[in-house]
Protein backbone atom coordinates (compact mmCIF):
# COMPACT_ATOMS: atom_id res chain seq x y z
CA MET A 1 77.91 128.19 144.56
CA THR A 2 78.39 131.61 145.18
CA ALA A 3 77.95 134.33 142.11
CA SER A 4 79.79 134.72 139.45
CA ASP A 5 82.82 137.57 139.20
CA GLN A 6 80.56 138.85 135.95
CA ALA A 7 77.22 138.89 137.42
CA LEU A 8 78.86 141.03 140.29
CA ASP A 9 80.29 143.20 138.35
CA SER A 10 77.00 143.42 136.13
CA LEU A 11 75.71 143.71 139.33
CA ALA A 12 77.67 146.63 140.55
CA LEU A 13 76.89 148.61 137.16
CA ALA A 14 73.14 147.49 137.31
CA ALA A 15 72.81 149.16 141.44
CA ARG A 16 74.82 152.58 140.29
CA ALA A 17 72.72 153.08 137.64
CA ALA A 18 68.89 152.18 139.03
CA ASP A 19 70.29 154.41 141.71
CA SER A 20 71.20 157.50 139.34
CA LYS A 21 67.43 157.57 137.95
CA GLY A 22 66.14 157.53 142.06
CA GLY A 23 65.59 153.48 142.30
CA GLU A 24 65.07 152.75 145.97
CA ASP A 25 65.02 149.94 148.24
CA LEU A 26 67.52 148.12 146.30
CA VAL A 27 68.05 144.19 147.63
CA ALA A 28 70.44 141.83 145.95
CA LEU A 29 70.25 138.15 146.28
CA ASP A 30 72.50 135.48 145.26
CA VAL A 31 70.52 132.95 143.58
CA SER A 32 73.05 130.91 141.94
CA GLY A 33 72.35 127.61 144.30
CA PRO A 34 68.87 126.93 143.60
CA LEU A 35 68.51 128.58 139.99
CA PRO A 36 70.70 127.19 136.98
CA PHE A 37 69.63 129.88 134.82
CA ALA A 38 71.09 132.76 137.00
CA ASP A 39 73.46 134.19 139.46
CA VAL A 40 71.79 137.25 140.91
CA PHE A 41 68.64 138.64 141.37
CA LEU A 42 68.70 142.97 141.52
CA LEU A 43 65.23 144.10 142.94
CA VAL A 44 64.37 147.68 143.23
CA THR A 45 61.84 150.27 143.24
CA GLY A 46 60.50 152.30 141.36
CA THR A 47 58.27 155.65 143.00
CA SER A 48 56.05 156.10 139.86
CA GLU A 49 54.97 154.07 136.34
CA ARG A 50 57.62 156.52 134.17
CA ASN A 51 60.44 156.17 137.21
CA VAL A 52 60.05 152.46 136.79
CA ILE A 53 60.30 152.68 133.22
CA ALA A 54 63.21 155.09 133.43
CA ILE A 55 65.36 152.82 136.14
CA ALA A 56 65.22 150.13 133.67
CA ASP A 57 65.70 151.78 130.69
CA GLU A 58 69.06 153.58 132.15
CA VAL A 59 70.03 149.83 133.90
CA GLU A 60 70.01 148.13 129.86
CA THR A 61 71.51 151.23 128.94
CA VAL A 62 74.78 151.15 131.13
CA LEU A 63 75.12 147.13 131.14
CA GLY A 64 74.26 147.48 126.96
CA LYS A 65 77.17 150.08 126.96
CA ALA A 66 79.76 147.75 129.10
CA GLY A 67 78.84 145.01 126.57
CA THR A 68 76.08 142.93 128.22
CA PRO A 69 73.05 143.04 126.36
CA THR A 70 69.66 142.53 127.30
CA ARG A 71 68.69 138.77 126.67
CA ARG A 72 64.91 139.25 127.47
CA ARG A 73 62.58 142.23 128.43
CA GLU A 74 59.43 141.57 130.22
CA GLY A 75 56.86 144.38 131.91
CA HIS A 76 58.28 147.47 130.03
CA HIS A 77 54.48 148.99 128.43
CA THR A 78 52.98 149.40 131.92
CA GLY A 79 55.87 150.27 133.70
CA ARG A 80 54.55 148.50 137.36
CA TRP A 81 56.35 145.37 137.42
CA ILE A 82 59.93 145.36 134.86
CA LEU A 83 61.96 142.08 134.10
CA LEU A 84 65.48 142.62 132.79
CA ASP A 85 67.17 139.16 132.03
CA PHE A 86 71.41 139.85 131.31
CA GLY A 87 71.67 136.11 131.25
CA ASP A 88 74.00 135.67 134.95
CA LEU A 89 71.75 138.88 136.29
CA VAL A 90 68.32 139.37 136.34
CA VAL A 91 66.84 142.84 137.69
CA HIS A 92 63.21 143.17 138.25
CA VAL A 93 62.00 146.63 138.69
CA PHE A 94 58.94 147.10 141.04
CA HIS A 95 56.08 150.01 140.87
CA ARG A 96 56.52 150.07 145.15
CA GLU A 97 52.58 147.90 144.98
CA GLU A 98 53.96 145.33 143.26
CA ARG A 99 57.15 144.80 145.20
CA LEU A 100 54.81 144.37 148.37
CA TYR A 101 52.47 142.60 146.57
CA TYR A 102 54.50 139.71 145.10
CA GLY A 103 57.06 139.88 147.86
CA LEU A 104 60.33 138.30 145.78
CA GLU A 105 61.88 138.71 149.06
CA ARG A 106 60.00 136.66 151.34
CA LEU A 107 60.03 133.74 148.26
CA TRP A 108 63.91 134.03 148.08
CA SER A 109 64.31 134.40 151.65
CA ASP A 110 66.99 131.11 151.72
CA CYS A 111 69.16 133.39 149.27
CA PRO A 112 71.64 135.26 151.12
CA ALA A 113 71.70 138.86 150.88
CA LEU A 114 75.13 140.40 148.70
CA PRO A 115 75.60 143.88 149.91
CA VAL A 116 74.26 146.61 147.17
CA ALA A 117 75.13 149.58 149.97
CA PRO A 118 78.96 149.49 149.42
CA LEU A 119 78.73 149.20 144.89
CA LEU A 120 76.76 152.75 145.48
CA ALA A 121 79.57 153.93 148.21
CA ALA A 122 82.21 153.04 145.38
CA LYS A 123 80.94 154.77 142.38
CA SER A 124 83.62 155.53 139.80
């Protein structure tokens, strides 16, 4: 399987929103093969708890305005690892230390990476 067009459109919006708030090391993974509930994971690093929260808030705002509501949000109160579930897209916003510790890229290393840089270059 491959990620749906809707998931890829949401990925583009989420990546640009995260980038606009200083999100670093954006990695997108096509998890549509092994997972029945999501097509894409977007992993983002924030530099502080405040930054992690600001990134997550911006992603939620941008996707909400585009008609994609948040289905579930976890970890917002701590600002260390915030998970945002938009259905086909799941966004993980990590503090640097949590991202290194949990290593989702390693856990999902068999899933193909999706290019993020072109999405950021195509800002509209």
